[in-house]
Amino acid sequence: MAHSPRRIAVLGSTGSIGTQALQVTALHPDQFQITALTARSDKEKLFKQVRAFHPQMAGLAQPIPLADIPEDLRFCHWVFGEDALTLAPQTDCDDVLVSVVGMAGLMGVMAAFEKGRRVLLANKEALVAGGQLVTAAAAKAGEDALLPVDSEHSAVFQCLQAAGDNEVDAIYLTCSGGPFRDWDQRRILAATREQALRHPTWAMGQKITVDSATLFNKALEIIEAKWLFHVEHRKIDVVIHPQSVIHSAIRFLDGAVLAQLGTPDMRLPILYAMSYPRRLPTGGEKLDLLSIGTLTFEQPDPGRFPSLRMAREALDAGGAAACVLNAANEEAVSEFLRSKNSIPLGKIFEVVEDCLARVGHLPAASLADVLYADRRARETAASLLGFHNKSVPSCVL
């Protein structure tokens, strides 16, 4: 049966997720059409993408003179600054892939829902900071209006397709354990930028790689899962699985466990969200069960990785606590990455905990509340880090 191509706007097209999304789009040109591409600053890569996919609109967060746009790329509408995130969903698209890093994702998600688009979410911060707002907008937009792209949440979502009306007893979010899985607490707290960026399994952007090293990625995913799957966080467990074969699993009341397995290839969850409810070939390596060998599982140590404890405490606190946790982590990670000898890894944990204590009580009843809490958390983190007026803007492409 023939299907009309899904028309997709990609927010963050030059990043890891956006690039792989365009790879699978090129693999299935009869299934997908790109209507908009946005990037933060990599204009040369964006130019190449615009040449390849001919979108209606292209956007850069960091403005450049119109004269810098090559003559052959002036067929599409160019937008500069933060408006690109809210204007891209206004193109003739069915879906908006939100693959930007940071709070910018929340603005893109809300703009997409306002236009009645399906959101393919590869941004953690939108649900972490504005979970109540996003899920309410998704419910208003209709069934399956919000589809996860993160490998762990995609895995849970895929497992839930077999759940029917059966209640889920537990959700298992797996992780590789990052580069510090076997390190003691003292070494972790003193770890450097170079050490944190040596991820054993996945090739990702620097911020996400550092979050994997601190397990803040799992902390954020606990919060995401709570909103995506409407479960209490006490039913969400993090399991270290170094082989990265099982991407996540669910357990039912009778004890049965369903898991989603695959090679560590982000094209699978990206393409599943883009083509849902159908499945299309990714062009990647397929999992060979006979070659897997041993699968092992470990419980993460909350003493060495306090990020997991902080996430649960933020959910218990409610309000904007999760937003504060996310913003403080972004600022601390940014400073950690700023130079080779800036701050030790342990400072990230310290800054987040202090920010939660100082401004974690703020409300999050509206988008204005969330943005205010985000700004206050960033200002507080900047002060704790010992600098002022250098924080990363909360809305970036």
Protein backbone atom coordinates (compact mmCIF):
# COMPACT_ATOMS: atom_id res chain seq x y z
CA MET A 1 0.00 0.00 0.00
CA ALA A 2 1.45 3.36 -1.02
CA HIS A 3 1.89 6.06 1.59
CA SER A 4 2.17 9.78 1.05
CA PRO A 5 5.59 11.06 2.15
CA ARG A 6 5.76 12.34 5.72
CA ARG A 7 6.75 15.99 5.62
CA ILE A 8 9.27 16.77 8.36
CA ALA A 9 10.80 19.93 9.83
CA VAL A 10 14.13 19.21 11.53
CA LEU A 11 15.17 21.47 14.40
CA GLY A 12 18.88 20.95 14.97
CA SER A 13 19.70 19.38 11.62
CA THR A 14 23.49 19.67 11.88
CA GLY A 15 23.77 17.83 15.20
CA SER A 16 24.17 14.10 15.65
CA ILE A 17 20.44 13.24 15.69
CA GLY A 18 19.55 15.67 12.91
CA THR A 19 22.34 14.40 10.69
CA GLN A 20 21.27 10.77 11.14
CA ALA A 21 17.64 11.70 10.53
CA LEU A 22 18.66 13.14 7.17
CA GLN A 23 20.66 9.98 6.43
CA VAL A 24 17.56 7.79 6.79
CA THR A 25 15.54 10.37 4.87
CA ALA A 26 17.97 10.01 1.97
CA LEU A 27 17.65 6.23 2.27
CA HIS A 28 13.86 6.50 1.83
CA PRO A 29 13.26 9.52 -0.44
CA ASP A 30 9.79 8.24 -1.36
CA GLN A 31 8.76 8.13 2.31
CA PHE A 32 9.95 11.49 3.64
CA GLN A 33 10.14 15.11 2.52
CA ILE A 34 12.07 17.79 4.42
CA THR A 35 10.25 21.14 4.77
CA ALA A 36 12.57 22.99 7.16
CA LEU A 37 16.12 22.73 8.51
CA THR A 38 17.54 24.73 11.41
CA ALA A 39 20.99 24.83 12.98
CA ARG A 40 22.76 26.78 15.66
CA SER A 41 25.94 27.98 13.94
CA ASP A 42 27.33 25.43 11.45
CA LYS A 43 26.36 27.32 8.31
CA GLU A 44 28.55 25.32 5.92
CA LYS A 45 26.99 22.01 6.98
CA LEU A 46 23.53 23.56 6.80
CA PHE A 47 24.26 24.84 3.29
CA LYS A 48 25.09 21.29 2.19
CA GLN A 49 21.90 19.97 3.74
CA VAL A 50 19.77 22.62 2.06
CA ARG A 51 21.32 21.71 -1.30
CA ALA A 52 20.53 18.05 -0.73
CA PHE A 53 16.95 18.33 0.61
CA HIS A 54 15.54 21.60 -0.79
CA PRO A 55 13.46 22.67 2.23
CA GLN A 56 10.94 25.49 2.20
CA MET A 57 12.76 27.19 5.08
CA ALA A 58 16.23 27.18 6.61
CA GLY A 59 17.34 28.87 9.80
CA LEU A 60 20.47 29.76 11.75
CA ALA A 61 20.46 30.84 15.39
CA GLN A 62 23.58 32.90 14.89
CA PRO A 63 22.71 35.52 12.26
CA ILE A 64 24.82 36.01 9.15
CA PRO A 65 24.52 38.61 6.39
CA LEU A 66 22.08 37.63 3.65
CA ALA A 67 24.93 38.19 1.22
CA ASP A 68 26.66 35.15 2.77
CA ILE A 69 23.87 32.87 1.57
CA PRO A 70 25.10 31.20 -1.64
CA GLU A 71 23.15 32.18 -4.72
CA ASP A 72 21.97 28.63 -5.37
CA LEU A 73 20.39 28.42 -1.88
CA ARG A 74 18.20 31.50 -2.08
CA PHE A 75 15.26 29.47 -3.33
CA CYS A 76 14.16 28.87 0.29
CA HIS A 77 13.16 31.29 3.02
CA TRP A 78 16.02 32.04 5.45
CA VAL A 79 15.40 32.92 9.10
CA PHE A 80 17.99 34.02 11.65
CA GLY A 81 17.87 34.01 15.44
CA GLU A 82 15.57 32.19 17.84
CA ASP A 83 12.54 32.71 15.56
CA ALA A 84 13.73 29.81 13.43
CA LEU A 85 12.53 27.37 16.10
CA THR A 86 8.99 28.69 16.10
CA LEU A 87 8.74 29.37 12.37
CA ALA A 88 9.96 25.96 11.18
CA PRO A 89 6.78 24.20 12.44
CA GLN A 90 4.75 26.66 10.35
CA THR A 91 6.04 25.16 7.11
CA ASP A 92 3.91 22.55 5.34
CA CYS A 93 5.04 19.72 7.63
CA ASP A 94 3.35 16.78 9.31
CA ASP A 95 6.07 16.20 11.91
CA VAL A 96 8.64 18.29 13.75
CA LEU A 97 11.81 16.50 14.80
CA VAL A 98 13.10 18.41 17.82
CA SER A 99 16.77 17.50 18.10
CA VAL A 100 18.19 20.73 19.49
CA VAL A 101 20.07 20.62 22.77
CA GLY A 102 18.84 22.56 25.78
CA MET A 103 15.80 24.64 26.69
CA ALA A 104 15.43 25.72 23.08
CA GLY A 105 13.66 22.42 22.60
CA LEU A 106 10.74 23.47 24.79
CA MET A 107 9.99 26.46 22.57
CA GLY A 108 10.14 24.30 19.46
CA VAL A 109 7.87 21.65 20.93
CA MET A 110 5.22 24.12 22.06
CA ALA A 111 5.29 25.88 18.68
CA ALA A 112 4.83 22.54 16.92
CA PHE A 113 1.83 21.58 19.03
CA GLU A 114 0.28 25.00 18.47
CA LYS A 115 0.31 24.25 14.74
CA GLY A 116 -1.09 20.74 15.26
CA ARG A 117 2.11 18.94 14.26
CA ARG A 118 3.30 15.56 15.50
CA VAL A 119 6.44 15.97 17.60
CA LEU A 120 9.35 13.55 17.33
CA LEU A 121 11.23 14.36 20.52
CA ALA A 122 14.99 13.94 20.76
CA ASN A 123 15.37 16.76 23.28
CA LYS A 124 15.38 15.82 26.96
CA GLU A 125 15.00 19.30 28.36
CA ALA A 126 11.52 20.01 26.97
CA LEU A 127 9.90 17.31 29.10
CA VAL A 128 12.28 17.72 32.02
CA ALA A 129 11.67 21.46 32.38
CA GLY A 130 8.11 21.69 31.10
CA GLY A 131 6.70 18.19 31.44
CA GLN A 132 3.25 19.23 32.61
CA LEU A 133 2.91 21.86 29.87
CA VAL A 134 4.21 19.58 27.11
CA THR A 135 2.07 16.57 28.01
CA ALA A 136 -1.04 18.75 28.29
CA ALA A 137 -0.35 20.21 24.84
CA ALA A 138 0.32 16.73 23.45
CA ALA A 139 -2.95 15.39 24.86
CA LYS A 140 -4.80 18.27 23.24
CA ALA A 141 -3.04 17.59 19.92
CA GLY A 142 -4.30 14.00 19.83
CA GLU A 143 -3.18 10.39 20.15
CA ASP A 144 0.48 9.70 19.30
CA ALA A 145 1.17 13.42 18.95
CA LEU A 146 4.39 12.99 20.94
CA LEU A 147 6.81 10.23 19.96
CA PRO A 148 10.15 9.63 21.70
CA VAL A 149 13.41 9.45 19.75
CA ASP A 150 15.88 8.84 22.59
CA SER A 151 16.93 5.20 22.32
CA GLU A 152 15.78 4.32 25.85
CA HIS A 153 12.36 5.92 25.65
CA SER A 154 11.85 4.64 22.13
CA ALA A 155 12.61 1.15 23.45
CA VAL A 156 10.02 1.53 26.21
CA PHE A 157 7.50 2.90 23.73
CA GLN A 158 8.10 -0.05 21.40
CA CYS A 159 7.64 -2.52 24.26
CA LEU A 160 4.41 -0.81 25.28
CA GLN A 161 2.91 -1.58 21.87
CA ALA A 162 2.47 -5.14 23.19
CA ALA A 163 1.07 -4.10 26.58
CA GLY A 164 -2.54 -3.67 25.55
CA ASP A 165 -4.56 -2.77 28.64
CA ASN A 166 -2.14 -4.49 31.00
CA GLU A 167 -0.63 -2.35 33.74
CA VAL A 168 3.11 -1.85 33.69
CA ASP A 169 4.75 -2.74 37.00
CA ALA A 170 8.20 -1.28 36.27
CA ILE A 171 10.22 0.45 33.57
CA TYR A 172 13.92 -0.37 33.21
CA LEU A 173 16.06 2.35 31.61
CA THR A 174 19.41 0.89 30.62
CA CYS A 175 22.71 2.68 30.25
CA SER A 176 26.28 1.73 29.44
CA GLY A 177 27.55 3.22 32.68
CA GLY A 178 29.74 5.71 30.82
CA PRO A 179 33.52 6.02 31.08
CA PHE A 180 33.50 6.10 34.90
CA ARG A 181 31.49 2.94 35.56
CA ASP A 182 34.37 1.29 37.44
CA TRP A 183 35.91 4.42 38.96
CA ASP A 184 35.78 5.18 42.66
CA GLN A 185 34.11 8.34 43.93
CA ARG A 186 37.30 10.33 44.41
CA ARG A 187 38.46 9.73 40.82
CA ILE A 188 35.03 10.59 39.42
CA LEU A 189 34.85 13.90 41.29
CA ALA A 190 38.30 14.88 39.99
CA ALA A 191 37.76 13.72 36.39
CA THR A 192 38.74 16.00 33.52
CA ARG A 193 37.00 17.04 30.34
CA GLU A 194 39.09 14.67 28.20
CA GLN A 195 38.30 11.72 30.45
CA ALA A 196 34.56 12.48 30.47
CA LEU A 197 34.39 12.67 26.68
CA ARG A 198 35.71 9.12 26.17
CA HIS A 199 32.36 7.34 25.97
CA PRO A 200 32.76 3.56 25.61
CA THR A 201 29.76 2.95 23.33
CA TRP A 202 28.02 5.92 21.74
CA ALA A 203 29.25 8.76 19.52
CA MET A 204 27.33 11.83 20.69
CA GLY A 205 27.65 15.56 21.13
CA GLN A 206 29.89 16.83 23.94
CA LYS A 207 27.12 17.90 26.31
CA ILE A 208 25.27 14.59 26.09
CA THR A 209 28.55 12.69 26.44
CA VAL A 210 29.35 14.51 29.69
CA ASP A 211 25.80 13.83 30.92
CA SER A 212 26.44 10.16 30.23
CA ALA A 213 29.61 10.30 32.32
CA THR A 214 27.78 11.86 35.29
CA LEU A 215 24.60 9.80 34.68
CA PHE A 216 22.70 13.08 34.49
CA ASN A 217 21.43 11.71 31.19
CA LYS A 218 19.68 8.95 33.15
CA ALA A 219 18.50 11.46 35.75
CA LEU A 220 16.85 13.47 32.97
CA GLU A 221 15.47 10.29 31.41
CA ILE A 222 13.77 9.29 34.67
CA ILE A 223 11.96 12.62 34.60
CA GLU A 224 11.16 12.24 30.89
CA ALA A 225 9.78 8.74 31.38
CA LYS A 226 7.53 9.91 34.19
CA TRP A 227 5.84 12.34 31.81
CA LEU A 228 5.96 10.26 28.62
CA PHE A 229 4.52 7.10 30.13
CA HIS A 230 2.47 8.55 33.01
CA VAL A 231 4.10 6.50 35.75
CA GLU A 232 5.44 7.33 39.19
CA HIS A 233 9.21 7.67 39.27
CA ARG A 234 9.42 4.90 41.87
CA LYS A 235 8.40 2.50 39.09
CA ILE A 236 11.32 3.64 36.92
CA ASP A 237 14.64 1.92 37.54
CA VAL A 238 18.04 2.63 35.99
CA VAL A 239 20.12 -0.44 35.14
CA ILE A 240 23.73 -0.37 33.97
CA HIS A 241 24.11 -2.64 30.95
CA PRO A 242 27.61 -2.20 29.49
CA GLN A 243 26.94 -4.14 26.28
CA SER A 244 24.22 -1.66 25.20
CA VAL A 245 22.21 -4.40 23.50
CA ILE A 246 19.02 -4.05 25.56
CA HIS A 247 17.94 -0.44 25.13
CA SER A 248 15.23 -0.60 27.81
CA ALA A 249 12.49 -2.90 29.06
CA ILE A 250 9.16 -3.06 30.88
CA ARG A 251 7.90 -5.50 33.51
CA PHE A 252 4.27 -6.47 33.97
CA LEU A 253 2.43 -7.35 37.17
CA ASP A 254 2.85 -11.07 36.54
CA GLY A 255 6.62 -10.69 36.38
CA ALA A 256 6.96 -10.99 32.60
CA VAL A 257 9.56 -8.66 31.08
CA LEU A 258 9.58 -7.33 27.52
CA ALA A 259 12.79 -5.76 26.23
CA GLN A 260 13.82 -4.05 23.00
CA LEU A 261 17.20 -5.18 21.67
CA GLY A 262 19.31 -3.82 18.87
CA THR A 263 22.74 -2.64 17.81
CA PRO A 264 23.85 0.73 19.28
CA ASP A 265 22.62 2.66 16.25
CA MET A 266 20.51 5.78 16.77
CA ARG A 267 19.10 5.49 13.26
CA LEU A 268 16.72 2.79 14.48
CA PRO A 269 14.81 4.91 17.06
CA ILE A 270 15.00 7.95 14.80
CA LEU A 271 13.51 6.13 11.85
CA TYR A 272 10.92 4.34 14.00
CA ALA A 273 9.59 7.70 15.19
CA MET A 274 9.65 9.15 11.67
CA SER A 275 7.82 6.18 10.12
CA TYR A 276 5.59 5.14 13.07
CA PRO A 277 3.60 2.92 13.15
CA ARG A 278 5.48 1.31 10.26
CA ARG A 279 9.05 0.01 10.28
CA LEU A 280 11.58 0.71 7.52
CA PRO A 281 15.15 -0.51 6.98
CA THR A 282 17.79 1.71 8.60
CA GLY A 283 20.65 0.61 6.37
CA GLY A 284 22.63 -0.25 9.49
CA GLU A 285 23.99 -3.47 10.93
CA LYS A 286 21.35 -5.88 12.22
CA LEU A 287 21.65 -7.53 15.60
CA ASP A 288 23.02 -11.08 15.51
CA LEU A 289 21.80 -12.87 18.64
CA LEU A 290 24.38 -15.62 18.25
CA SER A 291 27.25 -13.14 18.41
CA ILE A 292 26.11 -11.26 21.51
CA GLY A 293 27.75 -13.49 24.10
CA THR A 294 27.11 -12.45 27.71
CA LEU A 295 24.73 -9.71 28.81
CA THR A 296 25.44 -8.21 32.22
CA PHE A 297 23.52 -5.84 34.48
CA GLU A 298 24.53 -3.71 37.44
CA GLN A 299 22.82 -1.34 39.83
CA PRO A 300 24.16 2.23 39.66
CA ASP A 301 25.80 3.52 42.82
CA PRO A 302 23.95 6.66 44.03
CA GLY A 303 26.99 7.61 46.11
CA ARG A 304 29.21 7.86 43.04
CA PHE A 305 26.42 9.19 40.82
CA PRO A 306 24.20 11.50 42.94
CA SER A 307 22.46 12.77 39.81
CA LEU A 308 19.93 9.92 40.06
CA ARG A 309 19.01 10.84 43.64
CA MET A 310 18.66 14.51 42.70
CA ALA A 311 16.25 13.67 39.87
CA ARG A 312 13.94 11.76 42.20
CA GLU A 313 14.12 14.50 44.80
CA ALA A 314 13.22 17.07 42.14
CA LEU A 315 10.18 15.03 41.08
CA ASP A 316 9.07 14.70 44.70
CA ALA A 317 9.49 18.46 45.18
CA GLY A 318 7.39 19.26 42.10
CA GLY A 319 7.03 22.77 40.71
CA ALA A 320 10.07 23.93 38.77
CA ALA A 321 12.59 21.76 40.63
CA ALA A 322 13.24 19.56 37.58
CA CYS A 323 13.63 22.69 35.43
CA VAL A 324 16.17 24.05 37.92
CA LEU A 325 18.05 20.75 37.92
CA ASN A 326 18.27 20.81 34.13
CA ALA A 327 19.33 24.45 33.83
CA ALA A 328 21.95 24.18 36.55
CA ASN A 329 23.37 21.07 34.92
CA GLU A 330 23.53 22.78 31.51
CA GLU A 331 25.44 25.72 32.96
CA ALA A 332 27.85 23.56 34.93
CA VAL A 333 28.51 21.27 31.95
CA SER A 334 29.07 24.29 29.72
CA GLU A 335 31.73 25.58 32.13
CA PHE A 336 33.21 22.08 32.40
CA LEU A 337 33.58 21.99 28.60
CA ARG A 338 34.72 25.59 28.23
CA SER A 339 38.41 24.83 28.67
CA LYS A 340 40.58 21.83 29.37
CA ASN A 341 41.39 22.92 32.92
CA SER A 342 38.20 24.69 34.00
CA ILE A 343 36.42 22.78 36.77
CA PRO A 344 36.52 19.13 37.89
CA LEU A 345 33.57 16.88 37.10
CA GLY A 346 32.47 16.85 40.73
CA LYS A 347 31.69 20.56 40.54
CA ILE A 348 28.74 19.72 38.28
CA PHE A 349 27.06 17.69 41.05
CA GLU A 350 27.80 20.42 43.59
CA VAL A 351 26.35 23.24 41.48
CA VAL A 352 23.16 21.35 40.68
CA GLU A 353 22.55 20.41 44.31
CA ASP A 354 23.14 23.98 45.48
CA CYS A 355 20.82 25.40 42.82
CA LEU A 356 18.05 23.00 43.82
CA ALA A 357 18.41 24.13 47.43
CA ARG A 358 18.33 27.83 46.51
CA VAL A 359 15.70 28.09 43.74
CA GLY A 360 14.15 24.63 43.42
CA HIS A 361 10.99 25.84 45.17
CA LEU A 362 9.84 28.02 42.25
CA PRO A 363 6.48 27.23 40.55
CA ALA A 364 6.01 25.86 37.02
CA ALA A 365 2.32 26.45 36.33
CA SER A 366 2.90 28.30 33.05
CA LEU A 367 5.48 28.70 30.32
CA ALA A 368 6.41 32.05 31.85
CA ASP A 369 7.01 30.31 35.19
CA VAL A 370 9.24 27.71 33.56
CA LEU A 371 11.28 30.28 31.66
CA TYR A 372 11.68 32.39 34.81
CA ALA A 373 12.83 29.37 36.84
CA ASP A 374 15.23 28.44 34.05
CA ARG A 375 16.72 31.95 34.06
CA ARG A 376 17.01 32.09 37.85
CA ALA A 377 18.70 28.69 37.94
CA ARG A 378 21.22 29.76 35.30
CA GLU A 379 22.00 32.98 37.15
CA THR A 380 22.43 31.06 40.39
CA ALA A 381 24.67 28.49 38.71
CA ALA A 382 26.77 31.25 37.15
CA SER A 383 27.24 32.82 40.56
CA LEU A 384 28.20 29.49 42.11
CA LEU A 385 30.68 28.89 39.29
CA GLY A 386 32.28 32.24 40.00
CA PHE A 387 31.45 34.17 36.85
CA HIS A 388 28.74 36.55 35.74
CA ASN A 389 27.06 37.38 32.42
CA LYS A 390 28.74 34.42 30.73
CA SER A 391 25.97 31.87 30.97
CA VAL A 392 24.77 30.04 27.89
CA PRO A 393 21.43 31.42 26.63
CA SER A 394 18.52 29.20 27.57
CA CYS A 395 17.25 29.17 23.98
CA VAL A 396 19.76 27.99 21.41
CA LEU A 397 19.40 25.98 18.22
